[in-house]
C-alpha cells in the first residue's frame, strides 16, 4: 500500500469516526466505528491502519485510535 493509500485510509477512518460519533460514551462510539471497520473494510485495510496506529498515530483523531484498539482487542476477535 502506498503512502497515498495510507493517507486515504486515515482520512476515511477519521471521517467515519466523525460521522458515527453520536455523543454516547466513548466506548460505545468506538465500538460503533470498530464494527463499521469490521463489516465494511477489507482485512488488508484493517491491518494497514492497525500497523500505522502502532507506529505513528498522530494523524488519527482520538475516536479513531480508540476504535482501532477495540478492533484489536481479544474480546472482539
Protein backbone atom coordinates (compact mmCIF):
# COMPACT_ATOMS: atom_id res chain seq x y z
CA UNK A 1 0.00 0.00 0.00
CA UNK A 2 1.40 3.37 -0.97
CA UNK A 3 1.66 6.42 1.26
CA UNK A 4 -1.21 7.99 -0.66
CA UNK A 5 -3.39 4.96 0.03
CA UNK A 6 -2.48 5.06 3.73
CA UNK A 7 -3.32 8.77 3.88
CA UNK A 8 -6.66 7.96 2.27
CA UNK A 9 -7.36 5.26 4.90
CA UNK A 10 -6.51 7.70 7.70
CA UNK A 11 -8.77 10.36 6.23
CA UNK A 12 -11.56 7.84 5.68
CA UNK A 13 -11.34 6.48 9.24
CA UNK A 14 -11.35 9.97 10.73
CA UNK A 15 -14.43 10.83 8.63
CA UNK A 16 -16.18 7.64 9.72
CA UNK A 17 -15.38 8.48 13.33
CA UNK A 18 -16.86 11.96 12.92
CA UNK A 19 -19.99 10.59 11.25
CA UNK A 20 -20.60 7.76 13.72
CA UNK A 21 -19.88 9.70 16.92
CA UNK A 22 -23.26 10.18 18.49
CA UNK A 23 -22.23 11.62 21.82
CA UNK A 24 -22.76 8.31 23.58
CA UNK A 25 -20.00 7.09 25.82
CA UNK A 26 -16.57 6.98 24.22
CA UNK A 27 -16.69 3.19 24.47
CA UNK A 28 -19.98 2.99 22.56
CA UNK A 29 -18.79 5.38 19.87
CA UNK A 30 -15.51 3.46 19.49
CA UNK A 31 -17.39 0.15 19.30
CA UNK A 32 -19.63 1.58 16.58
CA UNK A 33 -16.63 2.69 14.49
CA UNK A 34 -14.82 -0.63 15.06
CA UNK A 35 -17.95 -2.51 13.99
CA UNK A 36 -18.09 -0.45 10.80
CA UNK A 37 -14.45 -1.27 10.06
CA UNK A 38 -15.02 -4.96 10.76
CA UNK A 39 -18.08 -5.14 8.49
CA UNK A 40 -17.05 -2.91 5.58
CA UNK A 41 -13.24 -2.77 5.43
CA UNK A 42 -11.12 -5.49 3.87
CA UNK A 43 -8.78 -7.30 6.24
CA UNK A 44 -5.81 -5.72 4.45
CA UNK A 45 -7.21 -2.23 5.12
CA UNK A 46 -7.72 -3.01 8.82
CA UNK A 47 -4.21 -4.44 9.07
CA UNK A 48 -2.66 -1.40 7.38
CA UNK A 49 -4.40 1.12 9.66
CA UNK A 50 -3.55 -1.00 12.73
CA UNK A 51 0.12 -1.10 11.69
CA UNK A 52 0.08 2.67 11.24
CA UNK A 53 -1.54 3.18 14.65
CA UNK A 54 1.11 1.02 16.31
CA UNK A 55 3.94 3.12 14.88
CA UNK A 56 2.64 6.66 14.44
CA UNK A 57 -0.94 7.58 15.19
CA UNK A 58 -0.54 11.37 15.04
CA UNK A 59 -2.94 11.85 12.13
CA UNK A 60 -5.74 9.87 13.78
CA UNK A 61 -8.42 11.54 15.87
CA UNK A 62 -8.95 10.14 19.37
CA UNK A 63 -12.09 8.21 18.42
CA UNK A 64 -10.25 6.55 15.52
CA UNK A 65 -7.46 5.50 17.89
CA UNK A 66 -10.00 4.05 20.34
CA UNK A 67 -11.82 2.22 17.54
CA UNK A 68 -8.59 0.57 16.40
CA UNK A 69 -7.92 -0.53 19.98
CA UNK A 70 -11.43 -2.02 20.17
CA UNK A 71 -10.94 -3.72 16.82
CA UNK A 72 -7.70 -5.31 18.01
CA UNK A 73 -8.94 -6.31 21.47
CA UNK A 74 -9.08 -10.07 22.08
CA UNK A 75 -12.73 -9.90 23.21
CA UNK A 76 -13.78 -8.64 19.77
CA UNK A 77 -11.90 -11.14 17.65
